[in-house]
N, C-alpha and C. Protein backbone atom coordinates (compact mmCIF):
# COMPACT_ATOMS: atom_id res chain seq x y z
N MET A 1 -61.96 -24.85 55.37
CA MET A 1 -60.62 -25.07 55.88
C MET A 1 -59.69 -24.05 55.22
N ALA A 2 -58.85 -23.45 56.05
CA ALA A 2 -57.91 -22.45 55.56
C ALA A 2 -56.72 -23.12 54.89
N GLU A 3 -56.30 -22.53 53.78
CA GLU A 3 -55.13 -23.05 53.09
C GLU A 3 -53.90 -22.30 53.54
N ILE A 4 -52.81 -23.04 53.74
CA ILE A 4 -51.54 -22.42 54.09
C ILE A 4 -50.48 -22.97 53.15
N SER A 5 -49.41 -22.20 53.02
CA SER A 5 -48.34 -22.63 52.12
C SER A 5 -47.53 -23.75 52.78
N LEU A 6 -46.78 -24.43 51.95
CA LEU A 6 -45.91 -25.50 52.45
C LEU A 6 -44.90 -24.94 53.44
N GLN A 7 -44.37 -23.76 53.15
CA GLN A 7 -43.40 -23.12 54.04
C GLN A 7 -44.03 -22.86 55.42
N GLU A 8 -45.24 -22.33 55.43
CA GLU A 8 -45.92 -22.06 56.69
C GLU A 8 -46.19 -23.35 57.46
N ALA A 9 -46.57 -24.39 56.75
CA ALA A 9 -46.83 -25.68 57.38
C ALA A 9 -45.57 -26.25 58.01
N LEU A 10 -44.44 -26.14 57.30
CA LEU A 10 -43.17 -26.62 57.84
C LEU A 10 -42.75 -25.81 59.06
N GLN A 11 -42.93 -24.50 58.99
CA GLN A 11 -42.57 -23.66 60.13
C GLN A 11 -43.40 -24.02 61.36
N GLN A 12 -44.69 -24.25 61.17
CA GLN A 12 -45.55 -24.63 62.28
C GLN A 12 -45.13 -25.98 62.85
N PHE A 13 -44.80 -26.91 61.97
CA PHE A 13 -44.34 -28.23 62.41
C PHE A 13 -43.06 -28.11 63.22
N LEU A 14 -42.09 -27.34 62.72
CA LEU A 14 -40.80 -27.21 63.39
C LEU A 14 -40.93 -26.53 64.75
N LEU A 15 -41.83 -25.57 64.86
CA LEU A 15 -42.02 -24.89 66.13
C LEU A 15 -42.51 -25.84 67.21
N LYS A 16 -43.24 -26.87 66.82
CA LYS A 16 -43.80 -27.82 67.77
C LYS A 16 -42.95 -29.08 67.93
N SER A 17 -41.97 -29.26 67.07
CA SER A 17 -41.19 -30.50 67.10
C SER A 17 -39.93 -30.36 67.93
N LYS A 18 -39.29 -31.48 68.17
CA LYS A 18 -38.03 -31.52 68.92
C LYS A 18 -36.86 -31.08 68.05
N MET A 19 -37.07 -30.94 66.77
CA MET A 19 -36.01 -30.54 65.84
C MET A 19 -35.82 -29.03 65.77
N LYS A 20 -36.63 -28.29 66.48
CA LYS A 20 -36.62 -26.84 66.39
C LYS A 20 -35.23 -26.24 66.65
N GLU A 21 -34.57 -26.66 67.72
CA GLU A 21 -33.26 -26.09 68.04
C GLU A 21 -32.21 -26.46 67.01
N LYS A 22 -32.28 -27.64 66.46
CA LYS A 22 -31.31 -28.06 65.44
C LYS A 22 -31.48 -27.21 64.19
N VAL A 23 -32.70 -26.94 63.82
CA VAL A 23 -32.96 -26.11 62.64
C VAL A 23 -32.52 -24.67 62.91
N GLN A 24 -32.79 -24.18 64.10
CA GLN A 24 -32.36 -22.82 64.45
C GLN A 24 -30.84 -22.72 64.44
N ALA A 25 -30.15 -23.74 64.94
CA ALA A 25 -28.68 -23.72 64.93
C ALA A 25 -28.16 -23.69 63.50
N LEU A 26 -28.79 -24.44 62.61
CA LEU A 26 -28.38 -24.43 61.20
C LEU A 26 -28.60 -23.05 60.58
N GLU A 27 -29.72 -22.42 60.94
CA GLU A 27 -30.00 -21.08 60.42
C GLU A 27 -28.93 -20.09 60.91
N ILE A 28 -28.54 -20.21 62.17
CA ILE A 28 -27.52 -19.32 62.72
C ILE A 28 -26.19 -19.55 62.01
N LYS A 29 -25.83 -20.82 61.79
CA LYS A 29 -24.58 -21.13 61.08
C LYS A 29 -24.58 -20.52 59.68
N ASP A 30 -25.74 -20.55 59.03
CA ASP A 30 -25.84 -20.01 57.67
C ASP A 30 -25.55 -18.51 57.60
N VAL A 31 -25.87 -17.77 58.63
CA VAL A 31 -25.68 -16.31 58.60
C VAL A 31 -24.58 -15.84 59.55
N TRP A 32 -23.82 -16.77 60.12
CA TRP A 32 -22.80 -16.42 61.10
C TRP A 32 -21.79 -15.41 60.55
N GLU A 33 -21.31 -15.63 59.33
CA GLU A 33 -20.34 -14.71 58.74
C GLU A 33 -20.94 -13.32 58.56
N GLU A 34 -22.18 -13.28 58.14
CA GLU A 34 -22.88 -12.00 57.95
C GLU A 34 -23.03 -11.26 59.30
N LEU A 35 -23.32 -12.01 60.35
CA LEU A 35 -23.54 -11.41 61.66
C LEU A 35 -22.24 -10.97 62.34
N MET A 36 -21.18 -11.78 62.21
CA MET A 36 -19.98 -11.55 62.99
C MET A 36 -18.76 -11.15 62.17
N GLY A 37 -18.83 -11.27 60.87
CA GLY A 37 -17.70 -10.92 60.03
C GLY A 37 -16.92 -12.13 59.59
N LYS A 38 -16.17 -11.94 58.51
CA LYS A 38 -15.44 -13.05 57.87
C LYS A 38 -14.36 -13.64 58.77
N THR A 39 -13.62 -12.80 59.48
CA THR A 39 -12.52 -13.28 60.31
C THR A 39 -13.02 -14.16 61.46
N ILE A 40 -13.99 -13.66 62.20
CA ILE A 40 -14.54 -14.44 63.31
C ILE A 40 -15.15 -15.73 62.80
N ALA A 41 -15.90 -15.65 61.71
CA ALA A 41 -16.54 -16.85 61.16
C ALA A 41 -15.51 -17.89 60.73
N SER A 42 -14.40 -17.45 60.17
CA SER A 42 -13.40 -18.41 59.69
C SER A 42 -12.70 -19.14 60.83
N TYR A 43 -12.64 -18.55 62.00
CA TYR A 43 -11.98 -19.18 63.15
C TYR A 43 -12.97 -19.80 64.14
N THR A 44 -14.25 -19.78 63.81
CA THR A 44 -15.24 -20.43 64.65
C THR A 44 -15.31 -21.90 64.24
N ASP A 45 -15.05 -22.80 65.19
CA ASP A 45 -15.04 -24.23 64.89
C ASP A 45 -16.43 -24.84 64.84
N ASN A 46 -17.31 -24.43 65.77
CA ASN A 46 -18.64 -25.03 65.81
C ASN A 46 -19.61 -24.07 66.49
N ILE A 47 -20.87 -24.20 66.10
CA ILE A 47 -21.95 -23.43 66.71
C ILE A 47 -23.07 -24.42 67.00
N GLN A 48 -23.54 -24.42 68.24
CA GLN A 48 -24.65 -25.29 68.63
C GLN A 48 -25.67 -24.47 69.40
N LEU A 49 -26.90 -24.91 69.37
CA LEU A 49 -27.96 -24.30 70.17
C LEU A 49 -28.53 -25.38 71.06
N ILE A 50 -28.29 -25.26 72.36
CA ILE A 50 -28.72 -26.27 73.32
C ILE A 50 -29.50 -25.58 74.43
N ASN A 51 -30.78 -25.89 74.53
CA ASN A 51 -31.64 -25.29 75.56
C ASN A 51 -31.51 -23.77 75.60
N GLN A 52 -31.60 -23.16 74.45
CA GLN A 52 -31.52 -21.71 74.25
C GLN A 52 -30.16 -21.12 74.62
N GLN A 53 -29.14 -21.97 74.71
CA GLN A 53 -27.77 -21.51 74.89
C GLN A 53 -27.06 -21.66 73.56
N LEU A 54 -26.51 -20.57 73.07
CA LEU A 54 -25.71 -20.61 71.85
C LEU A 54 -24.28 -20.91 72.27
N VAL A 55 -23.81 -22.10 71.89
CA VAL A 55 -22.47 -22.55 72.27
C VAL A 55 -21.55 -22.35 71.07
N ILE A 56 -20.57 -21.48 71.24
CA ILE A 56 -19.63 -21.15 70.18
C ILE A 56 -18.27 -21.75 70.57
N THR A 57 -17.71 -22.55 69.68
CA THR A 57 -16.43 -23.20 69.95
C THR A 57 -15.37 -22.69 68.98
N THR A 58 -14.20 -22.36 69.56
CA THR A 58 -13.05 -21.94 68.76
C THR A 58 -11.78 -22.40 69.46
N HIS A 59 -10.76 -22.66 68.70
CA HIS A 59 -9.48 -23.07 69.27
C HIS A 59 -8.49 -21.91 69.40
N ILE A 60 -8.92 -20.72 69.02
CA ILE A 60 -8.07 -19.53 69.07
C ILE A 60 -8.33 -18.78 70.39
N ALA A 61 -7.32 -18.76 71.27
CA ALA A 61 -7.49 -18.15 72.60
C ALA A 61 -7.88 -16.67 72.53
N ALA A 62 -7.25 -15.93 71.65
CA ALA A 62 -7.57 -14.50 71.53
C ALA A 62 -9.01 -14.28 71.09
N LEU A 63 -9.50 -15.13 70.20
CA LEU A 63 -10.89 -15.02 69.75
C LEU A 63 -11.85 -15.38 70.87
N LYS A 64 -11.52 -16.40 71.64
CA LYS A 64 -12.36 -16.76 72.80
C LYS A 64 -12.51 -15.55 73.71
N ASN A 65 -11.38 -14.91 73.99
CA ASN A 65 -11.38 -13.74 74.86
C ASN A 65 -12.27 -12.64 74.30
N GLU A 66 -12.13 -12.36 73.02
CA GLU A 66 -12.94 -11.32 72.37
C GLU A 66 -14.42 -11.67 72.41
N LEU A 67 -14.75 -12.92 72.13
CA LEU A 67 -16.15 -13.34 72.12
C LEU A 67 -16.78 -13.28 73.50
N VAL A 68 -16.00 -13.52 74.53
CA VAL A 68 -16.52 -13.42 75.90
C VAL A 68 -17.01 -12.00 76.16
N PHE A 69 -16.28 -11.02 75.67
CA PHE A 69 -16.68 -9.62 75.86
C PHE A 69 -17.86 -9.23 74.97
N GLN A 70 -18.14 -10.01 73.94
CA GLN A 70 -19.21 -9.69 73.00
C GLN A 70 -20.46 -10.56 73.17
N LYS A 71 -20.56 -11.30 74.26
CA LYS A 71 -21.68 -12.23 74.45
C LYS A 71 -23.05 -11.56 74.27
N GLU A 72 -23.23 -10.45 74.94
CA GLU A 72 -24.52 -9.74 74.87
C GLU A 72 -24.81 -9.27 73.45
N LYS A 73 -23.79 -8.75 72.79
CA LYS A 73 -23.92 -8.28 71.41
C LYS A 73 -24.29 -9.43 70.47
N ILE A 74 -23.65 -10.58 70.66
CA ILE A 74 -23.93 -11.76 69.83
C ILE A 74 -25.38 -12.20 70.03
N ARG A 75 -25.79 -12.30 71.30
CA ARG A 75 -27.17 -12.72 71.60
C ARG A 75 -28.18 -11.76 70.96
N ASN A 76 -27.94 -10.48 71.09
CA ASN A 76 -28.86 -9.49 70.52
C ASN A 76 -28.90 -9.57 69.00
N ARG A 77 -27.74 -9.70 68.36
CA ARG A 77 -27.69 -9.78 66.89
C ARG A 77 -28.45 -11.01 66.36
N VAL A 78 -28.23 -12.15 67.00
CA VAL A 78 -28.89 -13.37 66.55
C VAL A 78 -30.40 -13.24 66.73
N ASN A 79 -30.83 -12.79 67.90
CA ASN A 79 -32.26 -12.67 68.16
C ASN A 79 -32.92 -11.63 67.25
N GLU A 80 -32.25 -10.53 66.98
CA GLU A 80 -32.79 -9.52 66.07
C GLU A 80 -32.89 -10.05 64.65
N ARG A 81 -31.89 -10.79 64.24
CA ARG A 81 -31.85 -11.33 62.87
C ARG A 81 -33.02 -12.24 62.57
N PHE A 82 -33.41 -13.04 63.58
CA PHE A 82 -34.47 -14.03 63.37
C PHE A 82 -35.81 -13.62 63.97
N ASN A 83 -35.88 -12.45 64.55
CA ASN A 83 -37.12 -11.89 65.09
C ASN A 83 -37.79 -12.78 66.14
N TYR A 84 -37.00 -13.54 66.86
CA TYR A 84 -37.52 -14.29 68.00
C TYR A 84 -36.36 -14.53 68.96
N HIS A 85 -36.68 -14.87 70.18
CA HIS A 85 -35.66 -15.03 71.20
C HIS A 85 -35.22 -16.48 71.31
N ALA A 86 -34.46 -16.91 70.32
CA ALA A 86 -33.95 -18.27 70.28
C ALA A 86 -32.80 -18.44 71.26
N VAL A 87 -32.07 -17.36 71.53
CA VAL A 87 -30.88 -17.42 72.36
C VAL A 87 -31.08 -16.61 73.62
N LYS A 88 -30.95 -17.28 74.78
CA LYS A 88 -31.00 -16.59 76.05
C LYS A 88 -29.61 -16.33 76.61
N GLU A 89 -28.67 -17.20 76.24
CA GLU A 89 -27.31 -17.10 76.78
C GLU A 89 -26.31 -17.55 75.72
N VAL A 90 -25.13 -16.93 75.75
CA VAL A 90 -24.04 -17.32 74.84
C VAL A 90 -22.92 -17.91 75.69
N VAL A 91 -22.46 -19.10 75.26
CA VAL A 91 -21.38 -19.79 75.96
C VAL A 91 -20.22 -19.92 74.97
N ILE A 92 -19.03 -19.55 75.43
CA ILE A 92 -17.83 -19.63 74.59
C ILE A 92 -16.94 -20.76 75.10
N ARG A 93 -16.55 -21.65 74.19
CA ARG A 93 -15.67 -22.77 74.57
C ARG A 93 -14.48 -22.79 73.65
């Protein structure tokens, strides 16, 4: 029997479980400032991952407008950062 690390076992479990998107959303939240910058991160109210849609919520109208123009860039940055295609679409609310 092959031995695997605890980290590998957890990753395999999460990939097959229903908690996968929740864990991915938490990972995205953890690096959001690094990906998008301090200003955008400070005005982002919430980030969710629902059925491969990254839902970004902010109450700042100007930021919503800016994020709408950056949807493709956001999707690419997140997917590149995690080396898998967790995000197919970005939704701004």
